[in-house]
PDB file of N, CA and C in Angstrom:
ATOM      1  N   MET A   1      97.492 108.591 112.279  1.00  0.00           N
ATOM      2  CA  MET A   1      97.531 107.154 112.181  1.00  0.00           C
ATOM      3  C   MET A   1      96.157 106.656 111.715  1.00  0.00           C
ATOM      4  N   ALA A   2      96.161 105.647 110.868  1.00  0.00           N
ATOM      5  CA  ALA A   2      94.922 105.097 110.330  1.00  0.00           C
ATOM      6  C   ALA A   2      94.281 104.127 111.309  1.00  0.00           C
ATOM      7  N   ARG A   3      92.980 103.943 111.133  1.00  0.00           N
ATOM      8  CA  ARG A   3      92.249 102.953 111.917  1.00  0.00           C
ATOM      9  C   ARG A   3      91.191 102.323 111.012  1.00  0.00           C
ATOM     10  N   ILE A   4      90.752 101.141 111.370  1.00  0.00           N
ATOM     11  CA  ILE A   4      89.733 100.406 110.622  1.00  0.00           C
ATOM     12  C   ILE A   4      88.372 100.696 111.246  1.00  0.00           C
ATOM     13  N   LEU A   5      87.399 101.055 110.408  1.00  0.00           N
ATOM     14  CA  LEU A   5      86.044 101.261 110.919  1.00  0.00           C
ATOM     15  C   LEU A   5      85.442  99.920 111.316  1.00  0.00           C
ATOM     16  N   PRO A   6      84.628  99.906 112.372  1.00  0.00           N
ATOM     17  CA  PRO A   6      83.964  98.655 112.744  1.00  0.00           C
ATOM     18  C   PRO A   6      83.001  98.226 111.631  1.00  0.00           C
ATOM     19  N   THR A   7      82.812  96.932 111.464  1.00  0.00           N
ATOM     20  CA  THR A   7      81.962  96.386 110.411  1.00  0.00           C
ATOM     21  C   THR A   7      80.558  96.983 110.439  1.00  0.00           C
ATOM     22  N   LYS A   8      80.024  97.218 111.626  1.00  0.00           N
ATOM     23  CA  LYS A   8      78.661  97.742 111.718  1.00  0.00           C
ATOM     24  C   LYS A   8      78.540  99.183 111.218  1.00  0.00           C
ATOM     25  N   SER A   9      79.651  99.866 110.981  1.00  0.00           N
ATOM     26  CA  SER A   9      79.633 101.247 110.508  1.00  0.00           C
ATOM     27  C   SER A   9      79.880 101.380 109.004  1.00  0.00           C
ATOM     28  N   VAL A  10      80.171 100.273 108.348  1.00  0.00           N
ATOM     29  CA  VAL A  10      80.524 100.313 106.921  1.00  0.00           C
ATOM     30  C   VAL A  10      79.385 100.856 106.066  1.00  0.00           C
ATOM     31  N   SER A  11      78.177 100.347 106.235  1.00  0.00           N
ATOM     32  CA  SER A  11      77.034 100.810 105.423  1.00  0.00           C
ATOM     33  C   SER A  11      76.782 102.300 105.617  1.00  0.00           C
ATOM     34  N   GLU A  12      76.880 102.759 106.853  1.00  0.00           N
ATOM     35  CA  GLU A  12      76.686 104.185 107.136  1.00  0.00           C
ATOM     36  C   GLU A  12      77.723 105.024 106.394  1.00  0.00           C
ATOM     37  N   PHE A  13      78.976 104.600 106.406  1.00  0.00           N
ATOM     38  CA  PHE A  13      80.040 105.313 105.707  1.00  0.00           C
ATOM     39  C   PHE A  13      79.768 105.367 104.207  1.00  0.00           C
ATOM     40  N   LEU A  14      79.441 104.211 103.611  1.00  0.00           N
ATOM     41  CA  LEU A  14      79.200 104.142 102.168  1.00  0.00           C
ATOM     42  C   LEU A  14      78.081 105.081 101.740  1.00  0.00           C
ATOM     43  N   GLU A  15      77.003 105.092 102.508  1.00  0.00           N
ATOM     44  CA  GLU A  15      75.860 105.959 102.185  1.00  0.00           C
ATOM     45  C   GLU A  15      76.203 107.428 102.399  1.00  0.00           C
ATOM     46  N   ALA A  16      76.833 107.745 103.509  1.00  0.00           N
ATOM     47  CA  ALA A  16      77.131 109.149 103.841  1.00  0.00           C
ATOM     48  C   ALA A  16      78.065 109.790 102.832  1.00  0.00           C
ATOM     49  N   TYR A  17      79.017 109.023 102.316  1.00  0.00           N
ATOM     50  CA  TYR A  17      80.019 109.597 101.413  1.00  0.00           C
ATOM     51  C   TYR A  17      79.820 109.194  99.953  1.00  0.00           C
ATOM     52  N   GLY A  18      78.672 108.598  99.642  1.00  0.00           N
ATOM     53  CA  GLY A  18      78.313 108.298  98.271  1.00  0.00           C
ATOM     54  C   GLY A  18      79.211 107.311  97.556  1.00  0.00           C
ATOM     55  N   VAL A  19      79.711 106.324  98.278  1.00  0.00           N
ATOM     56  CA  VAL A  19      80.579 105.321  97.659  1.00  0.00           C
ATOM     57  C   VAL A  19      79.689 104.251  97.020  1.00  0.00           C
ATOM     58  N   THR A  20      79.662 104.239  95.680  1.00  0.00           N
ATOM     59  CA  THR A  20      78.824 103.293  94.947  1.00  0.00           C
ATOM     60  C   THR A  20      79.642 102.377  94.042  1.00  0.00           C
ATOM     61  N   THR A  21      80.944 102.458  94.111  1.00  0.00           N
ATOM     62  CA  THR A  21      81.859 101.731  93.235  1.00  0.00           C
ATOM     63  C   THR A  21      81.716 100.217  93.335  1.00  0.00           C
ATOM     64  N   PHE A  22      81.312  99.694  94.456  1.00  0.00           N
ATOM     65  CA  PHE A  22      81.390  98.265  94.702  1.00  0.00           C
ATOM     66  C   PHE A  22      80.176  97.473  94.233  1.00  0.00           C
ATOM     67  N   GLY A  23      79.028  98.086  94.144  1.00  0.00           N
ATOM     68  CA  GLY A  23      77.841  97.414  93.634  1.00  0.00           C
ATOM     69  C   GLY A  23      77.455  96.175  94.417  1.00  0.00           C
ATOM     70  N   ASP A  24      76.722  95.274  93.737  1.00  0.00           N
ATOM     71  CA  ASP A  24      76.206  94.066  94.392  1.00  0.00           C
ATOM     72  C   ASP A  24      77.270  92.987  94.578  1.00  0.00           C
ATOM     73  N   ASP A  25      78.367  93.079  93.824  1.00  0.00           N
ATOM     74  CA  ASP A  25      79.415  92.060  93.927  1.00  0.00           C
ATOM     75  C   ASP A  25      80.166  92.121  95.252  1.00  0.00           C
ATOM     76  N   CYS A  26      80.174  93.279  95.877  1.00  0.00           N
ATOM     77  CA  CYS A  26      80.930  93.471  97.114  1.00  0.00           C
ATOM     78  C   CYS A  26      80.006  94.057  98.187  1.00  0.00           C
ATOM     79  N   PRO A  27      79.239  93.216  98.884  1.00  0.00           N
ATOM     80  CA  PRO A  27      78.355  93.735  99.928  1.00  0.00           C
ATOM     81  C   PRO A  27      79.160  94.318 101.094  1.00  0.00           C
ATOM     82  N   PRO A  28      78.536  95.188 101.877  1.00  0.00           N
ATOM     83  CA  PRO A  28      79.239  95.874 102.977  1.00  0.00           C
ATOM     84  C   PRO A  28      80.000  94.950 103.924  1.00  0.00           C
ATOM     85  N   GLU A  29      79.481  93.764 104.172  1.00  0.00           N
ATOM     86  CA  GLU A  29      80.170  92.862 105.110  1.00  0.00           C
ATOM     87  C   GLU A  29      81.483  92.317 104.544  1.00  0.00           C
ATOM     88  N   LYS A  30      81.710  92.488 103.239  1.00  0.00           N
ATOM     89  CA  LYS A  30      82.969  92.060 102.626  1.00  0.00           C
ATOM     90  C   LYS A  30      83.964  93.218 102.472  1.00  0.00           C
ATOM     91  N   LEU A  31      83.562  94.414 102.895  1.00  0.00           N
ATOM     92  CA  LEU A  31      84.407  95.595 102.726  1.00  0.00           C
ATOM     93  C   LEU A  31      85.135  95.956 104.017  1.00  0.00           C
ATOM     94  N   THR A  32      86.320  96.484 103.856  1.00  0.00           N
ATOM     95  CA  THR A  32      87.089  97.038 104.966  1.00  0.00           C
ATOM     96  C   THR A  32      87.336  98.503 104.648  1.00  0.00           C
ATOM     97  N   ILE A  33      87.156  99.356 105.641  1.00  0.00           N
ATOM     98  CA  ILE A  33      87.383 100.788 105.453  1.00  0.00           C
ATOM     99  C   ILE A  33      88.438 101.253 106.444  1.00  0.00           C
ATOM    100  N   LYS A  34      89.509 101.787 105.898  1.00  0.00           N
ATOM    101  CA  LYS A  34      90.583 102.352 106.709  1.00  0.00           C
ATOM    102  C   LYS A  34      90.458 103.873 106.596  1.00  0.00           C
ATOM    103  N   VAL A  35      90.364 104.551 107.726  1.00  0.00           N
ATOM    104  CA  VAL A  35      90.208 106.009 107.731  1.00  0.00           C
ATOM    105  C   VAL A  35      91.345 106.678 108.490  1.00  0.00           C
ATOM    106  N   TRP A  36      91.625 107.898 108.091  1.00  0.00           N
ATOM    107  CA  TRP A  36      92.565 108.759 108.796  1.00  0.00           C
ATOM    108  C   TRP A  36      91.752 109.911 109.343  1.00  0.00           C
ATOM    109  N   ASP A  37      91.725 110.040 110.670  1.00  0.00           N
ATOM    110  CA  ASP A  37      90.969 111.112 111.326  1.00  0.00           C
ATOM    111  C   ASP A  37      91.786 112.396 111.342  1.00  0.00           C
ATOM    112  N   ARG A  38      91.054 113.507 111.290  1.00  0.00           N
ATOM    113  CA  ARG A  38      91.711 114.795 111.504  1.00  0.00           C
ATOM    114  C   ARG A  38      92.281 114.766 112.913  1.00  0.00           C
ATOM    115  N   TYR A  39      93.419 115.360 113.108  1.00  0.00           N
ATOM    116  CA  TYR A  39      94.114 115.328 114.397  1.00  0.00           C
ATOM    117  C   TYR A  39      93.151 115.671 115.546  1.00  0.00           C
ATOM    118  N   GLY A  40      93.114 114.802 116.528  1.00  0.00           N
ATOM    119  CA  GLY A  40      92.317 115.042 117.728  1.00  0.00           C
ATOM    120  C   GLY A  40      90.858 114.647 117.618  1.00  0.00           C
ATOM    121  N   THR A  41      90.438 114.002 116.533  1.00  0.00           N
ATOM    122  CA  THR A  41      89.016 113.671 116.388  1.00  0.00           C
ATOM    123  C   THR A  41      88.727 112.171 116.443  1.00  0.00           C
ATOM    124  N   LYS A  42      89.720 111.360 116.742  1.00  0.00           N
ATOM    125  CA  LYS A  42      89.524 109.916 116.840  1.00  0.00           C
ATOM    126  C   LYS A  42      88.548 109.615 117.986  1.00  0.00           C
ATOM    127  N   PRO A  43      87.547 108.769 117.757  1.00  0.00           N
ATOM    128  CA  PRO A  43      86.587 108.454 118.825  1.00  0.00           C
ATOM    129  C   PRO A  43      87.242 107.650 119.939  1.00  0.00           C
ATOM    130  N   GLU A  44      86.781 107.865 121.134  1.00  0.00           N
ATOM    131  CA  GLU A  44      87.329 107.139 122.280  1.00  0.00           C
ATOM    132  C   GLU A  44      86.977 105.651 122.229  1.00  0.00           C
ATOM    133  N   ASP A  45      85.763 105.352 121.800  1.00  0.00           N
ATOM    134  CA  ASP A  45      85.300 103.969 121.732  1.00  0.00           C
ATOM    135  C   ASP A  45      85.292 103.530 120.270  1.00  0.00           C
ATOM    136  N   GLU A  46      86.420 103.027 119.788  1.00  0.00           N
ATOM    137  CA  GLU A  46      86.548 102.658 118.370  1.00  0.00           C
ATOM    138  C   GLU A  46      85.635 101.504 117.975  1.00  0.00           C
ATOM    139  N   ASP A  47      85.282 100.628 118.906  1.00  0.00           N
ATOM    140  CA  ASP A  47      84.410  99.498 118.585  1.00  0.00           C
ATOM    141  C   ASP A  47      82.990  99.950 118.242  1.00  0.00           C
ATOM    142  N   ASN A  48      82.604 101.123 118.699  1.00  0.00           N
ATOM    143  CA  ASN A  48      81.271 101.665 118.428  1.00  0.00           C
ATOM    144  C   ASN A  48      81.346 102.974 117.634  1.00  0.00           C
ATOM    145  N   ALA A  49      82.443 103.180 116.931  1.00  0.00           N
ATOM    146  CA  ALA A  49      82.632 104.412 116.168  1.00  0.00           C
ATOM    147  C   ALA A  49      81.614 104.504 115.036  1.00  0.00           C
ATOM    148  N   PRO A  50      81.077 105.688 114.808  1.00  0.00           N
ATOM    149  CA  PRO A  50      80.127 105.864 113.710  1.00  0.00           C
ATOM    150  C   PRO A  50      80.832 105.807 112.355  1.00  0.00           C
ATOM    151  N   GLY A  51      80.043 105.694 111.295  1.00  0.00           N
ATOM    152  CA  GLY A  51      80.589 105.646 109.948  1.00  0.00           C
ATOM    153  C   GLY A  51      80.883 107.002 109.358  1.00  0.00           C
ATOM    154  N   THR A  52      80.622 108.048 110.115  1.00  0.00           N
ATOM    155  CA  THR A  52      80.932 109.405 109.666  1.00  0.00           C
ATOM    156  C   THR A  52      81.850 110.056 110.684  1.00  0.00           C
ATOM    157  N   GLY A  53      82.540 111.081 110.240  1.00  0.00           N
ATOM    158  CA  GLY A  53      83.440 111.761 111.159  1.00  0.00           C
ATOM    159  C   GLY A  53      84.245 112.812 110.440  1.00  0.00           C
ATOM    160  N   ASP A  54      85.231 113.319 111.122  1.00  0.00           N
ATOM    161  CA  ASP A  54      86.097 114.344 110.565  1.00  0.00           C
ATOM    162  C   ASP A  54      87.332 113.660 109.986  1.00  0.00           C
ATOM    163  N   PHE A  55      87.140 113.020 108.827  1.00  0.00           N
ATOM    164  CA  PHE A  55      88.198 112.249 108.191  1.00  0.00           C
ATOM    165  C   PHE A  55      88.971 113.100 107.186  1.00  0.00           C
ATOM    166  N   ILE A  56      90.254 112.810 107.048  1.00  0.00           N
ATOM    167  CA  ILE A  56      91.046 113.509 106.033  1.00  0.00           C
ATOM    168  C   ILE A  56      91.362 112.600 104.842  1.00  0.00           C
ATOM    169  N   ALA A  57      91.204 111.296 105.007  1.00  0.00           N
ATOM    170  CA  ALA A  57      91.400 110.346 103.917  1.00  0.00           C
ATOM    171  C   ALA A  57      90.778 109.012 104.315  1.00  0.00           C
ATOM    172  N   ALA A  58      90.481 108.200 103.298  1.00  0.00           N
ATOM    173  CA  ALA A  58      89.950 106.863 103.544  1.00  0.00           C
ATOM    174  C   ALA A  58      90.263 105.971 102.352  1.00  0.00           C
ATOM    175  N   VAL A  59      90.384 104.692 102.635  1.00  0.00           N
ATOM    176  CA  VAL A  59      90.525 103.687 101.591  1.00  0.00           C
ATOM    177  C   VAL A  59      89.475 102.623 101.898  1.00  0.00           C
ATOM    178  N   VAL A  60      88.678 102.299 100.884  1.00  0.00           N
ATOM    179  CA  VAL A  60      87.670 101.255 101.006  1.00  0.00           C
ATOM    180  C   VAL A  60      88.117 100.118 100.092  1.00  0.00           C
ATOM    181  N   PHE A  61      88.190  98.903 100.625  1.00  0.00           N
ATOM    182  CA  PHE A  61      88.582  97.796  99.768  1.00  0.00           C
ATOM    183  C   PHE A  61      87.796  96.536 100.090  1.00  0.00           C
ATOM    184  N   CYS A  62      87.594  95.735  99.034  1.00  0.00           N
ATOM    185  CA  CYS A  62      86.874  94.476  99.166  1.00  0.00           C
ATOM    186  C   CYS A  62      87.874  93.390  99.578  1.00  0.00           C
ATOM    187  N   ASP A  63      87.520  92.653 100.595  1.00  0.00           N
ATOM    188  CA  ASP A  63      88.403  91.611 101.106  1.00  0.00           C
ATOM    189  C   ASP A  63      88.483  90.406 100.168  1.00  0.00           C
ATOM    190  N   GLU A  64      87.493  90.248  99.277  1.00  0.00           N
ATOM    191  CA  GLU A  64      87.481  89.083  98.387  1.00  0.00           C
ATOM    192  C   GLU A  64      88.072  89.362  97.014  1.00  0.00           C
ATOM    193  N   CYS A  65      87.703  90.487  96.401  1.00  0.00           N
ATOM    194  CA  CYS A  65      88.131  90.711  95.016  1.00  0.00           C
ATOM    195  C   CYS A  65      89.248  91.745  94.882  1.00  0.00           C
ATOM    196  N   SER A  66      89.630  92.368  95.959  1.00  0.00           N
ATOM    197  CA  SER A  66      90.716  93.361  95.978  1.00  0.00           C
ATOM    198  C   SER A  66      90.402  94.665  95.256  1.00  0.00           C
ATOM    199  N   LYS A  67      89.143  94.902  94.904  1.00  0.00           N
ATOM    200  CA  LYS A  67      88.745  96.196  94.339  1.00  0.00           C
ATOM    201  C   LYS A  67      88.876  97.234  95.446  1.00  0.00           C
ATOM    202  N   ASP A  68      89.325  98.444  95.116  1.00  0.00           N
ATOM    203  CA  ASP A  68      89.446  99.478  96.140  1.00  0.00           C
ATOM    204  C   ASP A  68      89.154 100.852  95.564  1.00  0.00           C
ATOM    205  N   VAL A  69      88.920 101.775  96.462  1.00  0.00           N
ATOM    206  CA  VAL A  69      88.718 103.174  96.100  1.00  0.00           C
ATOM    207  C   VAL A  69      89.325 104.029  97.208  1.00  0.00           C
ATOM    208  N   GLU A  70      89.990 105.107  96.796  1.00  0.00           N
ATOM    209  CA  GLU A  70      90.579 106.047  97.748  1.00  0.00           C
ATOM    210  C   GLU A  70      89.741 107.313  97.777  1.00  0.00           C
ATOM    211  N   LEU A  71      89.540 107.837  98.966  1.00  0.00           N
ATOM    212  CA  LEU A  71      88.793 109.084  99.139  1.00  0.00           C
ATOM    213  C   LEU A  71      89.710 110.092  99.819  1.00  0.00           C
ATOM    214  N   ASN A  72      89.745 111.295  99.278  1.00  0.00           N
ATOM    215  CA  ASN A  72      90.588 112.336  99.896  1.00  0.00           C
ATOM    216  C   ASN A  72      89.723 113.305 100.690  1.00  0.00           C
ATOM    217  N   ARG A  73      90.350 114.314 101.214  1.00  0.00           N
ATOM    218  CA  ARG A  73      89.679 115.283 102.081  1.00  0.00           C
ATOM    219  C   ARG A  73      88.443 115.893 101.430  1.00  0.00           C
ATOM    220  N   ASP A  74      88.531 116.230 100.129  1.00  0.00           N
ATOM    221  CA  ASP A  74      87.381 116.839  99.455  1.00  0.00           C
ATOM    222  C   ASP A  74      86.208 115.859  99.323  1.00  0.00           C
ATOM    223  N   ASP A  75      86.510 114.584  99.169  1.00  0.00           N
ATOM    224  CA  ASP A  75      85.459 113.556  99.069  1.00  0.00           C
ATOM    225  C   ASP A  75      84.793 113.307 100.412  1.00  0.00           C
ATOM    226  N   LEU A  76      85.464 113.680 101.496  1.00  0.00           N
ATOM    227  CA  LEU A  76      85.012 113.336 102.844  1.00  0.00           C
ATOM    228  C   LEU A  76      84.531 114.531 103.655  1.00  0.00           C
ATOM    229  N   LYS A  77      84.092 115.558 103.001  1.00  0.00           N
ATOM    230  CA  LYS A  77      83.539 116.697 103.734  1.00  0.00           C
ATOM    231  C   LYS A  77      82.416 116.158 104.614  1.00  0.00           C
ATOM    232  N   SER A  78      82.315 116.643 105.816  1.00  0.00           N
ATOM    233  CA  SER A  78      81.349 116.120 106.791  1.00  0.00           C
ATOM    234  C   SER A  78      79.984 115.899 106.182  1.00  0.00           C
ATOM    235  N   ALA A  79      79.494 114.690 106.375  1.00  0.00           N
ATOM    236  CA  ALA A  79      78.183 114.302 105.844  1.00  0.00           C
ATOM    237  C   ALA A  79      77.102 114.737 106.814  1.00  0.00           C
TER     238      ALA A  79
END
C-alpha cells in the first residue's frame, strides 16, 4: 500500500534519489511524494518518516502544475 511522505522529508528524498526534474518552478513545498515500501519496512511513525528508505516505487508530483515523475525499484536503490 502506498503512503505520502511528510512534507519535511521531501527535500531529503529529492536529494537522495537525484530527482532534478522539477527545477525552480516546483519547490519542494509544492511537491507530493507517494512511496511504496518494501513489505515490512513501513516506518512506525509516518509523521516523522525520513525521506529515504527501502522503497520499491515512488511517484513525485507537483501540486500546482501537475508535472510528475515515476521512480521504479532500480531508481530507488538505498541511498
